[in-house]
C-alpha atoms as a PDB file:
ATOM      1  CA  MET A   1     -29.373  52.468  42.710  1.00  0.00           C
ATOM      2  CA  ALA A   2     -27.214  52.622  45.814  1.00  0.00           C
ATOM      3  CA  ALA A   3     -26.803  48.901  46.025  1.00  0.00           C
ATOM      4  CA  SER A   4     -25.828  48.516  42.360  1.00  0.00           C
ATOM      5  CA  ARG A   5     -23.307  51.346  42.749  1.00  0.00           C
ATOM      6  CA  GLN A   6     -21.981  49.322  45.795  1.00  0.00           C
ATOM      7  CA  VAL A   7     -21.740  46.064  43.719  1.00  0.00           C
ATOM      8  CA  ALA A   8     -19.970  47.879  41.108  1.00  0.00           C
ATOM      9  CA  ASP A   9     -17.351  49.302  43.388  1.00  0.00           C
ATOM     10  CA  LEU A  10     -16.947  45.986  45.117  1.00  0.00           C
ATOM     11  CA  ARG A  11     -16.411  44.268  41.744  1.00  0.00           C
ATOM     12  CA  ALA A  12     -13.871  46.936  40.594  1.00  0.00           C
ATOM     13  CA  CYS A  13     -11.691  46.081  43.694  1.00  0.00           C
ATOM     14  CA  LEU A  14     -12.097  42.326  43.182  1.00  0.00           C
ATOM     15  CA  ASP A  15     -11.275  42.364  39.408  1.00  0.00           C
ATOM     16  CA  ARG A  16      -8.059  44.007  40.252  1.00  0.00           C
ATOM     17  CA  LEU A  17      -6.986  40.823  42.392  1.00  0.00           C
ATOM     18  CA  ASP A  18      -6.242  38.767  39.287  1.00  0.00           C
ATOM     19  CA  ALA A  19      -3.321  36.558  40.216  1.00  0.00           C
ATOM     20  CA  ASP A  20      -3.193  32.969  38.981  1.00  0.00           C
ATOM     21  CA  LEU A  21      -4.152  31.621  42.457  1.00  0.00           C
ATOM     22  CA  PHE A  22      -7.516  32.759  41.827  1.00  0.00           C
ATOM     23  CA  ASP A  23      -7.988  30.947  38.620  1.00  0.00           C
ATOM     24  CA  LEU A  24     -10.382  28.339  40.336  1.00  0.00           C
ATOM     25  CA  GLY A  25     -13.279  26.317  39.232  1.00  0.00           C
ATOM     26  CA  PRO A  26     -15.661  23.676  40.668  1.00  0.00           C
ATOM     27  CA  ARG A  27     -14.303  20.202  41.708  1.00  0.00           C
ATOM     28  CA  PRO A  28     -13.715  17.991  38.652  1.00  0.00           C
ATOM     29  CA  GLU A  29     -16.080  15.043  38.244  1.00  0.00           C
ATOM     30  CA  GLY A  30     -14.483  11.973  40.003  1.00  0.00           C
ATOM     31  CA  MET A  31     -12.186  13.736  42.170  1.00  0.00           C
ATOM     32  CA  ASN A  32     -12.481  13.004  45.649  1.00  0.00           C
ATOM     33  CA  ALA A  33     -11.812  15.415  48.884  1.00  0.00           C
ATOM     34  CA  LEU A  34      -8.434  13.952  49.536  1.00  0.00           C
ATOM     35  CA  GLU A  35      -7.509  14.830  46.003  1.00  0.00           C
ATOM     36  CA  ARG A  36      -9.148  18.070  45.722  1.00  0.00           C
ATOM     37  CA  LEU A  37      -7.275  19.291  48.969  1.00  0.00           C
ATOM     38  CA  LEU A  38      -3.994  17.930  47.554  1.00  0.00           C
ATOM     39  CA  CYS A  39      -4.607  20.159  44.612  1.00  0.00           C
ATOM     40  CA  LEU A  40      -4.928  23.111  46.653  1.00  0.00           C
ATOM     41  CA  CYS A  41      -1.868  22.323  48.643  1.00  0.00           C
ATOM     42  CA  LEU A  42       0.088  21.786  45.354  1.00  0.00           C
ATOM     43  CA  GLN A  43      -1.234  24.768  43.813  1.00  0.00           C
ATOM     44  CA  GLY A  44       1.132  27.641  45.214  1.00  0.00           C
ATOM     45  CA  GLU A  45       0.404  30.715  43.368  1.00  0.00           C
ATOM     46  CA  SER A  46      -0.015  29.106  40.036  1.00  0.00           C
ATOM     47  CA  PRO A  47      -3.350  28.197  38.498  1.00  0.00           C
ATOM     48  CA  LEU A  48      -5.156  25.207  39.949  1.00  0.00           C
ATOM     49  CA  ALA A  49      -4.901  23.238  36.556  1.00  0.00           C
ATOM     50  CA  VAL A  50      -1.151  22.770  36.990  1.00  0.00           C
ATOM     51  CA  ALA A  51      -1.627  21.061  40.401  1.00  0.00           C
ATOM     52  CA  GLU A  52      -4.614  19.052  38.918  1.00  0.00           C
ATOM     53  CA  LYS A  53      -2.252  17.717  36.270  1.00  0.00           C
ATOM     54  CA  ALA A  54       0.113  16.501  39.073  1.00  0.00           C
ATOM     55  CA  VAL A  55      -2.817  14.764  40.688  1.00  0.00           C
ATOM     56  CA  ARG A  56      -4.035  13.067  37.557  1.00  0.00           C
ATOM     57  CA  THR A  57      -0.115  11.955  36.688  1.00  0.00           C
ATOM     58  CA  LEU A  58       0.119  10.193  40.094  1.00  0.00           C
ATOM     59  CA  LYS A  59      -3.236   8.527  39.612  1.00  0.00           C
ATOM     60  CA  ALA A  60      -2.530   7.172  36.437  1.00  0.00           C
ATOM     61  CA  ARG A  61       0.860   5.725  37.550  1.00  0.00           C
ATOM     62  CA  TYR A  62      -0.012   4.346  40.862  1.00  0.00           C
ATOM     63  CA  GLY A  63      -2.852   2.212  42.286  1.00  0.00           C
ATOM     64  CA  ASN A  64      -3.855   4.249  45.323  1.00  0.00           C
ATOM     65  CA  TRP A  65      -2.712   7.075  47.473  1.00  0.00           C
ATOM     66  CA  SER A  66      -1.244   4.863  50.279  1.00  0.00           C
ATOM     67  CA  GLU A  67       1.136   3.515  47.904  1.00  0.00           C
ATOM     68  CA  ILE A  68       2.396   6.966  47.028  1.00  0.00           C
ATOM     69  CA  ARG A  69       2.471   8.076  50.638  1.00  0.00           C
ATOM     70  CA  VAL A  70       5.135   5.159  51.278  1.00  0.00           C
ATOM     71  CA  ALA A  71       6.851   5.186  47.943  1.00  0.00           C
ATOM     72  CA  ARG A  72      10.528   6.445  47.551  1.00  0.00           C
ATOM     73  CA  HIS A  73      10.792  10.110  46.943  1.00  0.00           C
ATOM     74  CA  TYR A  74      12.626   9.792  43.676  1.00  0.00           C
ATOM     75  CA  GLU A  75      10.086   7.315  42.230  1.00  0.00           C
ATOM     76  CA  ILE A  76       7.310   9.887  42.707  1.00  0.00           C
ATOM     77  CA  ARG A  77       9.628  12.770  41.244  1.00  0.00           C
ATOM     78  CA  ASP A  78      10.411  10.801  38.224  1.00  0.00           C
ATOM     79  CA  ALA A  79       6.711  10.055  37.508  1.00  0.00           C
ATOM     80  CA  LEU A  80       5.807  13.660  37.829  1.00  0.00           C
ATOM     81  CA  LYS A  81       8.888  14.507  35.473  1.00  0.00           C
ATOM     82  CA  ALA A  82       7.668  11.777  33.025  1.00  0.00           C
ATOM     83  CA  GLY A  83       4.241  13.374  33.119  1.00  0.00           C
ATOM     84  CA  ARG A  84       5.759  16.959  32.273  1.00  0.00           C
ATOM     85  CA  VAL A  85       4.642  18.334  35.548  1.00  0.00           C
ATOM     86  CA  ALA A  86       6.443  21.625  36.641  1.00  0.00           C
ATOM     87  CA  ASP A  87       8.517  21.709  39.959  1.00  0.00           C
ATOM     88  CA  ALA A  88       8.535  18.039  40.375  1.00  0.00           C
ATOM     89  CA  GLU A  89      11.010  18.019  43.135  1.00  0.00           C
ATOM     90  CA  ASN A  90       9.061  20.291  45.663  1.00  0.00           C
ATOM     91  CA  ARG A  91       5.637  19.087  44.284  1.00  0.00           C
ATOM     92  CA  THR A  92       6.894  15.391  45.171  1.00  0.00           C
ATOM     93  CA  GLU A  93       7.940  16.532  48.660  1.00  0.00           C
ATOM     94  CA  CYS A  94       4.526  18.370  49.392  1.00  0.00           C
ATOM     95  CA  THR A  95       2.493  15.317  48.005  1.00  0.00           C
ATOM     96  CA  GLN A  96       4.144  12.721  50.378  1.00  0.00           C
ATOM     97  CA  GLU A  97       4.225  15.377  53.376  1.00  0.00           C
ATOM     98  CA  TYR A  98       0.613  15.964  52.918  1.00  0.00           C
ATOM     99  CA  LEU A  99      -0.436  12.206  52.658  1.00  0.00           C
ATOM    100  CA  ARG A 100       1.693  11.574  55.828  1.00  0.00           C
ATOM    101  CA  ARG A 101       0.055  14.274  57.840  1.00  0.00           C
ATOM    102  CA  VAL A 102      -3.692  13.145  56.685  1.00  0.00           C
ATOM    103  CA  PHE A 103      -2.865   9.456  57.785  1.00  0.00           C
ATOM    104  CA  GLY A 104      -1.218  10.664  60.855  1.00  0.00           C
ATOM    105  CA  LEU A 105      -4.341  12.595  62.149  1.00  0.00           C
ATOM    106  CA  GLN A 106      -6.748   9.964  61.436  1.00  0.00           C
ATOM    107  CA  ASN A 107      -4.998   6.590  60.546  1.00  0.00           C
ATOM    108  CA  HIS A 108      -6.493   6.516  57.125  1.00  0.00           C
ATOM    109  CA  LEU A 109      -6.577   8.644  54.041  1.00  0.00           C
ATOM    110  CA  GLU A 110     -10.391   9.038  53.366  1.00  0.00           C
ATOM    111  CA  LEU A 111     -11.524  12.740  53.509  1.00  0.00           C
ATOM    112  CA  ASP A 112     -14.866  12.711  51.933  1.00  0.00           C
ATOM    113  CA  TRP A 113     -16.386  13.415  55.128  1.00  0.00           C
ATOM    114  CA  LEU A 114     -15.333  16.911  54.831  1.00  0.00           C
ATOM    115  CA  TYR A 115     -18.260  17.471  52.505  1.00  0.00           C
ATOM    116  CA  ASP A 116     -20.653  16.433  55.222  1.00  0.00           C
ATOM    117  CA  ALA A 117     -19.180  18.342  58.044  1.00  0.00           C
ATOM    118  CA  THR A 118     -19.809  21.883  59.179  1.00  0.00           C
ATOM    119  CA  SER A 119     -17.634  24.848  58.034  1.00  0.00           C
ATOM    120  CA  GLU A 120     -16.125  24.882  61.509  1.00  0.00           C
ATOM    121  CA  ARG A 121     -15.135  21.160  61.418  1.00  0.00           C
ATOM    122  CA  ARG A 122     -13.553  21.565  58.034  1.00  0.00           C
ATOM    123  CA  ALA A 123     -11.655  24.610  59.269  1.00  0.00           C
ATOM    124  CA  ARG A 124     -10.435  22.736  62.285  1.00  0.00           C
ATOM    125  CA  MET A 125      -9.329  19.832  60.296  1.00  0.00           C
ATOM    126  CA  LEU A 126      -7.169  22.205  57.923  1.00  0.00           C
ATOM    127  CA  ASN A 127      -5.752  24.009  60.847  1.00  0.00           C
ATOM    128  CA  GLN A 128      -4.665  20.577  62.236  1.00  0.00           C
ATOM    129  CA  LEU A 129      -3.135  19.579  58.991  1.00  0.00           C
ATOM    130  CA  THR A 130      -0.916  22.988  59.073  1.00  0.00           C
ATOM    131  CA  MET A 131      -0.090  23.039  55.409  1.00  0.00           C
ATOM    132  CA  ALA A 132      -3.336  23.860  53.788  1.00  0.00           C
ATOM    133  CA  PRO A 133      -3.571  27.118  51.973  1.00  0.00           C
ATOM    134  CA  LEU A 134      -5.476  30.101  53.326  1.00  0.00           C
ATOM    135  CA  HIS A 135      -8.062  29.587  50.629  1.00  0.00           C
ATOM    136  CA  ALA A 136      -8.742  25.923  51.051  1.00  0.00           C
ATOM    137  CA  ALA A 137     -11.610  26.597  53.653  1.00  0.00           C
ATOM    138  CA  ALA A 138     -13.423  28.722  51.131  1.00  0.00           C
ATOM    139  CA  VAL A 139     -12.884  26.261  48.321  1.00  0.00           C
ATOM    140  CA  LEU A 140     -14.207  23.313  50.416  1.00  0.00           C
ATOM    141  CA  ASP A 141     -17.210  25.263  51.653  1.00  0.00           C
ATOM    142  CA  LEU A 142     -18.249  25.822  47.968  1.00  0.00           C
ATOM    143  CA  ASP A 143     -17.513  22.289  46.972  1.00  0.00           C
ATOM    144  CA  ALA A 144     -19.833  21.214  49.757  1.00  0.00           C
ATOM    145  CA  TRP A 145     -22.551  23.725  48.855  1.00  0.00           C
ATOM    146  CA  GLU A 146     -25.813  22.399  47.807  1.00  0.00           C
ATOM    147  CA  ARG A 147     -26.972  24.425  44.785  1.00  0.00           C
ATOM    148  CA  ASP A 148     -30.617  24.446  45.981  1.00  0.00           C
ATOM    149  CA  GLU A 149     -29.588  26.014  49.220  1.00  0.00           C
ATOM    150  CA  PRO A 150     -28.576  29.789  49.920  1.00  0.00           C
ATOM    151  CA  LEU A 151     -24.769  30.271  49.446  1.00  0.00           C
ATOM    152  CA  PRO A 152     -22.829  30.221  52.827  1.00  0.00           C
ATOM    153  CA  MET A 153     -22.521  33.781  54.278  1.00  0.00           C
ATOM    154  CA  ASP A 154     -20.370  33.430  57.422  1.00  0.00           C
ATOM    155  CA  LYS A 155     -19.622  36.353  59.925  1.00  0.00           C
ATOM    156  CA  ASP A 156     -16.193  36.876  58.449  1.00  0.00           C
ATOM    157  CA  LEU A 157     -17.883  37.937  55.096  1.00  0.00           C
ATOM    158  CA  LYS A 158     -20.289  40.261  57.074  1.00  0.00           C
ATOM    159  CA  ARG A 159     -17.396  41.786  58.952  1.00  0.00           C
ATOM    160  CA  VAL A 160     -15.198  42.646  55.897  1.00  0.00           C
ATOM    161  CA  LEU A 161     -18.128  44.249  54.243  1.00  0.00           C
ATOM    162  CA  GLY A 162     -18.838  46.484  57.493  1.00  0.00           C
ATOM    163  CA  ARG A 163     -15.050  47.505  57.422  1.00  0.00           C
ATOM    164  CA  LEU A 164     -15.468  48.668  53.882  1.00  0.00           C
ATOM    165  CA  GLY A 165     -18.398  50.685  54.783  1.00  0.00           C
ATOM    166  CA  LEU A 166     -20.716  48.643  52.492  1.00  0.00           C
ATOM    167  CA  VAL A 167     -23.072  47.447  55.319  1.00  0.00           C
ATOM    168  CA  LYS A 168     -23.961  48.384  58.818  1.00  0.00           C
ATOM    169  CA  SER A 169     -21.791  46.854  61.623  1.00  0.00           C
ATOM    170  CA  ASN A 170     -24.343  44.220  62.212  1.00  0.00           C
ATOM    171  CA  PRO A 171     -26.396  43.731  58.966  1.00  0.00           C
ATOM    172  CA  LYS A 172     -29.179  41.421  58.168  1.00  0.00           C
ATOM    173  CA  GLU A 173     -28.285  38.509  55.792  1.00  0.00           C
ATOM    174  CA  ALA A 174     -30.743  39.650  53.294  1.00  0.00           C
ATOM    175  CA  GLU A 175     -28.619  43.013  52.878  1.00  0.00           C
ATOM    176  CA  VAL A 176     -25.351  40.866  52.657  1.00  0.00           C
ATOM    177  CA  ARG A 177     -26.834  38.603  49.981  1.00  0.00           C
ATOM    178  CA  GLU A 178     -28.269  41.484  47.826  1.00  0.00           C
ATOM    179  CA  LEU A 179     -24.849  42.965  47.685  1.00  0.00           C
ATOM    180  CA  LEU A 180     -22.819  39.589  47.121  1.00  0.00           C
ATOM    181  CA  GLU A 181     -24.901  37.245  45.167  1.00  0.00           C
ATOM    182  CA  PRO A 182     -24.556  39.350  41.734  1.00  0.00           C
ATOM    183  CA  LEU A 183     -20.761  38.820  42.168  1.00  0.00           C
ATOM    184  CA  PHE A 184     -21.141  34.991  42.387  1.00  0.00           C
ATOM    185  CA  GLU A 185     -22.906  34.412  39.042  1.00  0.00           C
ATOM    186  CA  GLY A 186     -21.417  32.138  36.585  1.00  0.00           C
ATOM    187  CA  ASP A 187     -17.604  31.536  36.243  1.00  0.00           C
ATOM    188  CA  ASP A 188     -16.964  34.301  38.961  1.00  0.00           C
ATOM    189  CA  LEU A 189     -18.177  32.183  41.708  1.00  0.00           C
ATOM    190  CA  TYR A 190     -15.102  30.474  42.917  1.00  0.00           C
ATOM    191  CA  ALA A 191     -12.739  33.248  42.081  1.00  0.00           C
ATOM    192  CA  ASN A 192     -14.721  36.312  43.832  1.00  0.00           C
ATOM    193  CA  PHE A 193     -15.810  33.921  46.735  1.00  0.00           C
ATOM    194  CA  VAL A 194     -12.225  33.127  47.490  1.00  0.00           C
ATOM    195  CA  LYS A 195     -11.093  36.657  47.037  1.00  0.00           C
ATOM    196  CA  LEU A 196     -13.669  38.099  49.586  1.00  0.00           C
ATOM    197  CA  ARG A 197     -12.899  35.263  52.125  1.00  0.00           C
ATOM    198  CA  LEU A 198      -9.125  36.145  51.715  1.00  0.00           C
ATOM    199  CA  LEU A 199      -9.856  39.681  52.361  1.00  0.00           C
ATOM    200  CA  ALA A 200     -11.816  38.798  55.324  1.00  0.00           C
ATOM    201  CA  GLU A 201      -9.164  36.541  56.715  1.00  0.00           C
ATOM    202  CA  LEU A 202      -6.286  38.934  56.263  1.00  0.00           C
ATOM    203  CA  GLY A 203      -7.774  42.225  56.792  1.00  0.00           C
ATOM    204  CA  ALA A 204     -10.605  42.072  59.037  1.00  0.00           C
ATOM    205  CA  ASP A 205      -9.376  40.567  62.489  1.00  0.00           C
ATOM    206  CA  PRO A 206     -12.347  40.837  64.894  1.00  0.00           C
ATOM    207  CA  ARG A 207     -10.068  41.620  67.808  1.00  0.00           C
ATOM    208  CA  ASN A 208      -8.227  44.766  66.169  1.00  0.00           C
ATOM    209  CA  PRO A 209     -10.180  46.582  64.105  1.00  0.00           C
ATOM    210  CA  GLN A 210      -7.281  49.277  63.993  1.00  0.00           C
ATOM    211  CA  SER A 211      -4.553  46.994  63.082  1.00  0.00           C
ATOM    212  CA  ARG A 212      -2.132  47.592  60.389  1.00  0.00           C
ATOM    213  CA  ALA A 213      -3.721  44.929  58.421  1.00  0.00           C
ATOM    214  CA  ALA A 214      -7.172  46.754  58.776  1.00  0.00           C
ATOM    215  CA  GLN A 215      -5.481  49.929  57.619  1.00  0.00           C
ATOM    216  CA  ALA A 216      -3.977  48.176  54.525  1.00  0.00           C
ATOM    217  CA  LEU A 217      -7.526  46.753  53.767  1.00  0.00           C
ATOM    218  CA  THR A 218      -8.951  50.423  53.918  1.00  0.00           C
ATOM    219  CA  ALA A 219      -6.188  51.696  51.601  1.00  0.00           C
ATOM    220  CA  LEU A 220      -6.975  48.774  49.216  1.00  0.00           C
ATOM    221  CA  TRP A 221     -10.536  49.785  48.919  1.00  0.00           C
ATOM    222  CA  ASN A 222      -9.742  53.440  48.498  1.00  0.00           C
ATOM    223  CA  GLU A 223      -7.631  52.653  45.597  1.00  0.00           C
ATOM    224  CA  ARG A 224      -9.888  50.331  43.955  1.00  0.00           C
ATOM    225  CA  LYS A 225     -10.862  52.995  41.090  1.00  0.00           C
ATOM    226  CA  SER A 226      -7.359  54.604  40.849  1.00  0.00           C
ATOM    227  CA  ARG A 227      -5.730  54.869  37.588  1.00  0.00           C
ATOM    228  CA  SER A 228      -2.297  54.004  39.033  1.00  0.00           C
ATOM    229  CA  LEU A 229      -2.058  50.442  40.348  1.00  0.00           C
ATOM    230  CA  LYS A 230       0.793  51.439  42.734  1.00  0.00           C
ATOM    231  CA  GLY A 231      -1.178  52.388  45.906  1.00  0.00           C
ATOM    232  CA  PHE A 232      -3.337  49.200  45.353  1.00  0.00           C
ATOM    233  CA  ALA A 233      -0.614  46.951  44.715  1.00  0.00           C
ATOM    234  CA  THR A 234       1.320  47.919  47.817  1.00  0.00           C
ATOM    235  CA  ALA A 235      -1.909  47.552  50.073  1.00  0.00           C
ATOM    236  CA  ALA A 236      -2.360  44.098  48.576  1.00  0.00           C
ATOM    237  CA  ALA A 237       1.346  43.186  49.234  1.00  0.00           C
ATOM    238  CA  GLU A 238       0.976  44.570  52.795  1.00  0.00           C
ATOM    239  CA  LEU A 239      -2.128  42.508  53.427  1.00  0.00           C
ATOM    240  CA  GLY A 240      -0.349  39.200  52.083  1.00  0.00           C
ATOM    241  CA  LEU A 241      -2.541  38.872  49.023  1.00  0.00           C
ATOM    242  CA  PRO A 242      -1.180  36.994  46.008  1.00  0.00           C
ATOM    243  CA  LEU A 243      -0.107  39.314  43.501  1.00  0.00           C
ATOM    244  CA  SER A 244      -0.250  39.190  39.583  1.00  0.00           C
ATOM    245  CA  PRO A 245       2.837  40.135  37.653  1.00  0.00           C
ATOM    246  CA  ALA A 246       1.009  43.735  37.037  1.00  0.00           C
ATOM    247  CA  LEU A 247       0.543  44.176  40.680  1.00  0.00           C
ATOM    248  CA  ALA A 248       3.990  42.759  41.677  1.00  0.00           C
ATOM    249  CA  LYS A 249       5.669  45.223  39.416  1.00  0.00           C
ATOM    250  CA  ALA A 250       3.507  48.147  40.597  1.00  0.00           C
ATOM    251  CA  ALA A 251       4.338  47.177  44.154  1.00  0.00           C
ATOM    252  CA  GLY A 252       8.079  46.973  43.390  1.00  0.00           C
ATOM    253  CA  LYS A 253       8.488  43.301  43.997  1.00  0.00           C
ATOM    254  CA  PRO A 254      10.639  41.332  41.615  1.00  0.00           C
ATOM    255  CA  GLU A 255       8.712  38.905  39.473  1.00  0.00           C
ATOM    256  CA  PRO A 256       9.758  35.222  39.946  1.00  0.00           C
ATOM    257  CA  GLU A 257      11.958  33.801  37.230  1.00  0.00           C
ATOM    258  CA  PRO A 258      10.403  31.521  34.826  1.00  0.00           C
ATOM    259  CA  GLU A 259      11.403  27.755  35.214  1.00  0.00           C
ATOM    260  CA  ALA A 260      14.305  26.794  32.996  1.00  0.00           C
ATOM    261  CA  LYS A 261      13.565  24.597  29.975  1.00  0.00           C
ATOM    262  CA  PRO A 262      14.969  20.969  30.313  1.00  0.00           C
ATOM    263  CA  ALA A 263      17.630  21.854  27.563  1.00  0.00           C
ATOM    264  CA  ALA A 264      18.630  25.077  29.085  1.00  0.00           C
ATOM    265  CA  LYS A 265      18.796  23.212  32.604  1.00  0.00           C
ATOM    266  CA  LYS A 266      21.092  20.485  31.152  1.00  0.00           C
ATOM    267  CA  ALA A 267      23.325  23.029  29.611  1.00  0.00           C
ATOM    268  CA  THR A 268      23.833  24.946  32.781  1.00  0.00           C
ATOM    269  CA  LYS A 269      24.295  21.650  34.660  1.00  0.00           C
ATOM    270  CA  LYS A 270      26.956  20.927  31.983  1.00  0.00           C
ATOM    271  CA  LYS A 271      28.543  24.213  32.302  1.00  0.00           C
ATOM    272  CA  ALA A 272      28.665  24.051  36.128  1.00  0.00           C
ATOM    273  CA  ALA A 273      30.413  20.484  35.815  1.00  0.00           C
ATOM    274  CA  LYS A 274      33.136  21.764  33.404  1.00  0.00           C
ATOM    275  CA  LYS A 275      33.825  24.780  35.597  1.00  0.00           C
ATOM    276  CA  LYS A 276      33.978  22.615  38.764  1.00  0.00           C
ATOM    277  CA  ALA A 277      36.412  20.252  36.742  1.00  0.00           C
ATOM    278  CA  THR A 278      38.576  23.095  35.744  1.00  0.00           C
ATOM    279  CA  LYS A 279      38.694  24.604  39.104  1.00  0.00           C
ATOM    280  CA  LYS A 280      39.583  21.119  40.350  1.00  0.00           C
ATOM    281  CA  ALA A 281      42.349  20.670  37.802  1.00  0.00           C
ATOM    282  CA  ALA A 282      43.895  24.041  38.478  1.00  0.00           C
ATOM    283  CA  ALA A 283      44.057  23.164  42.155  1.00  0.00           C
ATOM    284  CA  LYS A 284      46.096  20.025  41.344  1.00  0.00           C
ATOM    285  CA  LYS A 285      48.584  21.911  39.249  1.00  0.00           C
ATOM    286  CA  PRO A 286      50.650  23.635  41.985  1.00  0.00           C
ATOM    287  CA  ALA A 287      51.015  20.343  43.875  1.00  0.00           C
ATOM    288  CA  ALA A 288      51.959  18.520  40.727  1.00  0.00           C
ATOM    289  CA  LYS A 289      54.638  21.146  39.987  1.00  0.00           C
ATOM    290  CA  LYS A 290      55.933  20.861  43.359  1.00  0.00           C
ATOM    291  CA  ALA A 291      56.391  17.200  43.170  1.00  0.00           C
ATOM    292  CA  THR A 292      58.050  17.440  39.807  1.00  0.00           C
ATOM    293  CA  LYS A 293      60.577  20.180  41.199  1.00  0.00           C
ATOM    294  CA  LYS A 294      61.144  17.984  44.281  1.00  0.00           C
ATOM    295  CA  LYS A 295      61.973  14.810  42.072  1.00  0.00           C
ATOM    296  CA  ALA A 296      64.278  16.913  39.798  1.00  0.00           C
ATOM    297  CA  ALA A 297      66.108  18.078  42.873  1.00  0.00           C
ATOM    298  CA  LYS A 298      66.452  14.527  44.056  1.00  0.00           C
ATOM    299  CA  LYS A 299      67.781  13.384  40.786  1.00  0.00           C
ATOM    300  CA  LYS A 300      70.228  16.219  40.528  1.00  0.00           C
ATOM    301  CA  ALA A 301      71.467  15.181  44.270  1.00  0.00           C
ATOM    302  CA  THR A 302      71.947  11.768  43.198  1.00  0.00           C
ATOM    303  CA  LYS A 303      73.828  12.480  40.056  1.00  0.00           C
ATOM    304  CA  LYS A 304      76.120  14.961  42.202  1.00  0.00           C
ATOM    305  CA  ALA A 305      76.887  12.331  44.704  1.00  0.00           C
ATOM    306  CA  ALA A 306      77.738   9.682  41.979  1.00  0.00           C
ATOM    307  CA  THR A 307      80.172  12.027  40.386  1.00  0.00           C
ATOM    308  CA  ARG A 308      82.040  12.435  43.731  1.00  0.00           C
END
């Protein structure tokens, strides 16, 4: 009974962390490790499906990723725009930077070895890359997981559960599995696994159990069932967790402005160009007026001299 209550409490906490970033799922069939990691780098705080669309668009347009790595920036950008991929400019820059860094680290772009490596080796590669998001290690660990084996439970997961008072400070693995496995069933697997790993990464520093982040983690947990979102949202923001629009509003953070539609963008650009032209014309007027006045004065002086 106690275990089921703890599972319910933990689920209540995780369910509130409903940002688009956690809209994750298994690796699509035919997608290799290089492409999967690129999707995670391109994702930002949007659903992964948006980044996957960008990767599919580039694969359909180019023969291989090496070609994309050395292509001109505007060519990649235009290909993404033609495929109606949002934020094409930034995603182009991120794609080419990612491919260049991977190539620079190993002199080739093959990354499928990540799925045969240990979690520590994968984490080391992600650290060397320096641009992979925090949740990338958790996603790759799940991608590499063989379904007939026990789900990977590392010391960070045990630590965060201990900080929340759900298990002893040095629990047996069976206790941890009893608590977590009900949260990893069906479609909740990737989202809940990533949420827990992020909580461990951001709020359970083993070297500083009394840090500000650890206090924010405790506050987050204490607010898991509160009817008001404000305390929970504030603690989540302090931890650095991605916020849903509802949480951002409760935490007092401004929501990101929606991307302007192409027609609206064009109209805004046209209006700005018109304003610039008007300003330029206005700046020319005093000079033209002065030149006209000078010309008139010269003509008058010439006429006066001729009369004499």
